[in-house]
């Protein structure tokens, strides 16, 4: 299995768990960052979190305009390294 497929399956499981535990309603969801391209995210199509499957995963590209970029880039690149 490709690592991104495993990541997508984790996303499906996570959405299912949140729905099962009543943590999110029909409009709530979680997304995951693509480990191969940090500007890309996987998120479910507009469906209830408990109904998400592999056919409902969208790829979204997110970039921050320079005017809105944080002054400390480490805030967006994970925790600061010591």
N, C-alpha and C. Protein backbone atom coordinates (compact mmCIF):
# COMPACT_ATOMS: atom_id res chain seq x y z
N UNK A 1 0.84 -1.18 0.00
CA UNK A 1 0.00 0.00 0.00
C UNK A 1 0.89 1.24 0.00
N UNK A 2 0.53 2.20 -0.81
CA UNK A 2 1.27 3.46 -0.88
C UNK A 2 1.08 4.24 0.42
N UNK A 3 2.14 4.90 0.91
CA UNK A 3 2.01 5.64 2.18
C UNK A 3 0.88 6.68 2.18
N UNK A 4 0.60 7.30 1.02
CA UNK A 4 -0.49 8.27 0.98
C UNK A 4 -1.84 7.60 1.11
N UNK A 5 -1.96 6.37 0.61
CA UNK A 5 -3.22 5.63 0.80
C UNK A 5 -3.44 5.33 2.28
N UNK A 6 -2.35 5.02 2.97
CA UNK A 6 -2.45 4.76 4.41
C UNK A 6 -2.85 6.03 5.15
N UNK A 7 -2.30 7.16 4.72
CA UNK A 7 -2.66 8.44 5.32
C UNK A 7 -4.14 8.75 5.10
N UNK A 8 -4.63 8.47 3.90
CA UNK A 8 -6.04 8.70 3.59
C UNK A 8 -6.93 7.77 4.43
N UNK A 9 -6.51 6.53 4.62
CA UNK A 9 -7.28 5.61 5.45
C UNK A 9 -7.33 6.10 6.90
N UNK A 10 -6.21 6.64 7.38
CA UNK A 10 -6.21 7.22 8.73
C UNK A 10 -7.18 8.40 8.81
N UNK A 11 -7.24 9.18 7.76
CA UNK A 11 -8.18 10.30 7.71
C UNK A 11 -9.62 9.80 7.79
N UNK A 12 -9.92 8.75 7.06
CA UNK A 12 -11.25 8.16 7.09
C UNK A 12 -11.58 7.64 8.49
N UNK A 13 -10.62 6.92 9.08
CA UNK A 13 -10.83 6.40 10.45
C UNK A 13 -11.04 7.54 11.44
N UNK A 14 -10.23 8.59 11.32
CA UNK A 14 -10.36 9.72 12.23
C UNK A 14 -11.71 10.38 12.14
N UNK A 15 -12.20 10.60 10.92
CA UNK A 15 -13.52 11.19 10.74
C UNK A 15 -14.60 10.28 11.30
N UNK A 16 -14.45 8.99 11.09
CA UNK A 16 -15.42 8.03 11.60
C UNK A 16 -15.46 8.02 13.13
N UNK A 17 -14.29 8.08 13.75
CA UNK A 17 -14.21 8.10 15.21
C UNK A 17 -14.87 9.37 15.76
N UNK A 18 -14.57 10.51 15.16
CA UNK A 18 -15.17 11.77 15.62
C UNK A 18 -16.68 11.72 15.51
N UNK A 19 -17.19 11.15 14.43
CA UNK A 19 -18.64 11.04 14.25
C UNK A 19 -19.23 10.07 15.27
N UNK A 20 -18.58 8.94 15.47
CA UNK A 20 -19.08 7.92 16.38
C UNK A 20 -19.13 8.42 17.83
N UNK A 21 -18.16 9.24 18.20
CA UNK A 21 -18.10 9.75 19.57
C UNK A 21 -18.87 11.06 19.73
N UNK A 22 -19.59 11.49 18.71
CA UNK A 22 -20.37 12.74 18.73
C UNK A 22 -19.50 13.96 19.04
N UNK A 23 -18.28 13.96 18.53
CA UNK A 23 -17.39 15.10 18.72
C UNK A 23 -17.66 16.16 17.66
N UNK A 24 -18.05 15.73 16.47
CA UNK A 24 -18.41 16.66 15.41
C UNK A 24 -19.82 16.33 14.93
N UNK A 25 -20.47 17.33 14.35
CA UNK A 25 -21.79 17.09 13.78
C UNK A 25 -21.63 16.75 12.30
N UNK A 26 -22.69 16.85 11.54
CA UNK A 26 -22.65 16.49 10.12
C UNK A 26 -21.74 17.41 9.31
N UNK A 27 -21.40 18.57 9.84
CA UNK A 27 -20.57 19.52 9.09
C UNK A 27 -19.12 19.54 9.55
N UNK A 28 -18.80 18.84 10.60
CA UNK A 28 -17.44 18.82 11.09
C UNK A 28 -16.58 17.83 10.33
N UNK A 29 -15.29 18.03 10.32
CA UNK A 29 -14.37 17.10 9.65
C UNK A 29 -12.95 17.38 10.12
N UNK A 30 -12.07 16.48 9.80
CA UNK A 30 -10.65 16.70 10.00
C UNK A 30 -9.97 16.58 8.65
N UNK A 31 -8.79 17.14 8.55
CA UNK A 31 -7.99 17.04 7.33
C UNK A 31 -6.58 16.64 7.73
N UNK A 32 -5.81 16.18 6.77
CA UNK A 32 -4.41 15.82 7.03
C UNK A 32 -3.53 16.44 5.95
N UNK A 33 -2.33 16.79 6.34
CA UNK A 33 -1.37 17.36 5.41
C UNK A 33 -0.68 16.24 4.65
N UNK A 34 -0.49 16.45 3.37
CA UNK A 34 0.22 15.49 2.52
C UNK A 34 1.70 15.52 2.90
N UNK A 35 2.23 14.40 3.31
CA UNK A 35 3.64 14.35 3.73
C UNK A 35 4.61 14.49 2.55
N UNK A 36 4.13 14.28 1.33
CA UNK A 36 4.97 14.45 0.15
C UNK A 36 4.99 15.88 -0.37
N UNK A 37 3.97 16.67 -0.04
CA UNK A 37 3.87 18.05 -0.48
C UNK A 37 3.16 18.83 0.62
N UNK A 38 3.92 19.58 1.40
CA UNK A 38 3.37 20.23 2.60
C UNK A 38 2.37 21.34 2.30
N UNK A 39 2.21 21.73 1.05
CA UNK A 39 1.20 22.73 0.69
C UNK A 39 -0.12 22.07 0.29
N UNK A 40 -0.18 20.75 0.39
CA UNK A 40 -1.36 20.01 -0.04
C UNK A 40 -1.98 19.29 1.15
N UNK A 41 -3.31 19.32 1.20
CA UNK A 41 -4.06 18.67 2.27
C UNK A 41 -5.08 17.71 1.69
N UNK A 42 -5.38 16.67 2.43
CA UNK A 42 -6.47 15.76 2.08
C UNK A 42 -7.62 16.07 3.03
N UNK A 43 -8.81 16.21 2.48
CA UNK A 43 -9.98 16.44 3.30
C UNK A 43 -11.19 15.78 2.64
N UNK A 44 -12.18 15.44 3.44
CA UNK A 44 -13.35 14.77 2.88
C UNK A 44 -14.26 15.73 2.11
N UNK A 45 -14.89 15.19 1.09
CA UNK A 45 -15.90 15.94 0.35
C UNK A 45 -17.05 16.26 1.31
N UNK A 46 -17.92 17.14 0.94
CA UNK A 46 -19.04 17.55 1.80
C UNK A 46 -19.96 16.37 2.09
N UNK A 47 -19.61 15.64 3.12
CA UNK A 47 -20.40 14.50 3.59
C UNK A 47 -20.30 14.45 5.09
N UNK A 48 -21.22 13.76 5.69
CA UNK A 48 -21.13 13.53 7.12
C UNK A 48 -19.84 12.75 7.40
N UNK A 49 -19.11 13.07 8.47
CA UNK A 49 -17.84 12.40 8.76
C UNK A 49 -17.95 10.87 8.83
N UNK A 50 -19.08 10.36 9.28
CA UNK A 50 -19.25 8.92 9.38
C UNK A 50 -19.44 8.23 8.05
N UNK A 51 -19.65 8.99 6.97
CA UNK A 51 -19.88 8.41 5.64
C UNK A 51 -18.69 8.56 4.70
N UNK A 52 -17.60 9.12 5.17
CA UNK A 52 -16.44 9.35 4.31
C UNK A 52 -15.78 8.02 3.94
N UNK A 53 -15.44 7.89 2.65
CA UNK A 53 -14.67 6.73 2.19
C UNK A 53 -13.61 7.21 1.19
N UNK A 54 -12.83 6.30 0.63
CA UNK A 54 -11.71 6.66 -0.26
C UNK A 54 -12.18 7.47 -1.46
N UNK A 55 -13.39 7.25 -1.93
CA UNK A 55 -13.89 7.97 -3.11
C UNK A 55 -14.27 9.41 -2.78
N UNK A 56 -14.29 9.76 -1.50
CA UNK A 56 -14.73 11.10 -1.08
C UNK A 56 -13.59 11.98 -0.59
N UNK A 57 -12.36 11.57 -0.81
CA UNK A 57 -11.22 12.35 -0.34
C UNK A 57 -10.79 13.33 -1.43
N UNK A 58 -10.75 14.61 -1.08
CA UNK A 58 -10.32 15.65 -2.00
C UNK A 58 -8.90 16.08 -1.67
N UNK A 59 -8.22 16.63 -2.66
CA UNK A 59 -6.89 17.19 -2.46
C UNK A 59 -7.03 18.70 -2.58
N UNK A 60 -6.54 19.41 -1.59
CA UNK A 60 -6.63 20.86 -1.58
C UNK A 60 -5.24 21.45 -1.44
N UNK A 61 -4.96 22.46 -2.24
CA UNK A 61 -3.69 23.16 -2.14
C UNK A 61 -3.93 24.45 -1.38
N UNK A 62 -3.10 24.71 -0.41
CA UNK A 62 -3.27 25.88 0.42
C UNK A 62 -1.97 26.63 0.48
N UNK A 63 -2.00 27.86 0.08
CA UNK A 63 -0.82 28.71 0.19
C UNK A 63 -1.21 29.98 0.93
N UNK A 64 -0.26 30.54 1.61
CA UNK A 64 -0.48 31.75 2.38
C UNK A 64 0.07 32.93 1.58
N UNK A 65 -0.75 33.94 1.32
CA UNK A 65 -0.21 35.14 0.67
C UNK A 65 0.90 35.74 1.54
N UNK A 66 1.91 36.27 0.90
CA UNK A 66 3.03 36.84 1.66
C UNK A 66 2.58 37.85 2.71
N UNK A 67 1.56 38.62 2.38
CA UNK A 67 1.10 39.64 3.32
C UNK A 67 0.52 39.04 4.60
N UNK A 68 0.08 37.77 4.53
CA UNK A 68 -0.50 37.11 5.70
C UNK A 68 0.42 36.09 6.34
N UNK A 69 1.59 35.89 5.74
CA UNK A 69 2.53 34.89 6.26
C UNK A 69 3.01 35.28 7.65
N UNK A 70 3.15 34.31 8.53
CA UNK A 70 3.62 34.62 9.88
C UNK A 70 5.06 35.13 9.86
N UNK A 71 5.39 35.91 10.85
CA UNK A 71 6.76 36.44 10.93
C UNK A 71 7.76 35.35 11.29
N UNK A 72 7.29 34.36 12.01
CA UNK A 72 8.16 33.24 12.37
C UNK A 72 7.73 32.03 11.55
N UNK A 73 8.41 31.72 10.45
CA UNK A 73 8.02 30.60 9.61
C UNK A 73 7.94 29.27 10.34
N UNK A 74 8.68 29.13 11.46
CA UNK A 74 8.64 27.86 12.18
C UNK A 74 7.23 27.53 12.69
N UNK A 75 6.37 28.55 12.81
CA UNK A 75 5.00 28.32 13.26
C UNK A 75 4.24 27.45 12.25
N UNK A 76 4.60 27.53 10.98
CA UNK A 76 3.89 26.79 9.94
C UNK A 76 4.64 25.55 9.52
N UNK A 77 5.86 25.38 9.97
CA UNK A 77 6.67 24.23 9.56
C UNK A 77 6.81 23.20 10.68
N UNK A 78 5.90 23.19 11.62
CA UNK A 78 5.97 22.26 12.72
C UNK A 78 6.62 22.92 13.92
N UNK A 79 6.80 22.15 14.97
CA UNK A 79 7.39 22.73 16.18
C UNK A 79 8.82 23.17 15.94
N UNK A 80 9.26 24.22 16.61
CA UNK A 80 10.63 24.68 16.42
C UNK A 80 11.63 23.61 16.86
N UNK A 81 12.71 23.55 16.16
CA UNK A 81 13.77 22.59 16.52
C UNK A 81 14.70 23.23 17.54
N UNK A 82 15.14 22.42 18.47
CA UNK A 82 16.00 22.95 19.55
C UNK A 82 17.43 23.03 19.12
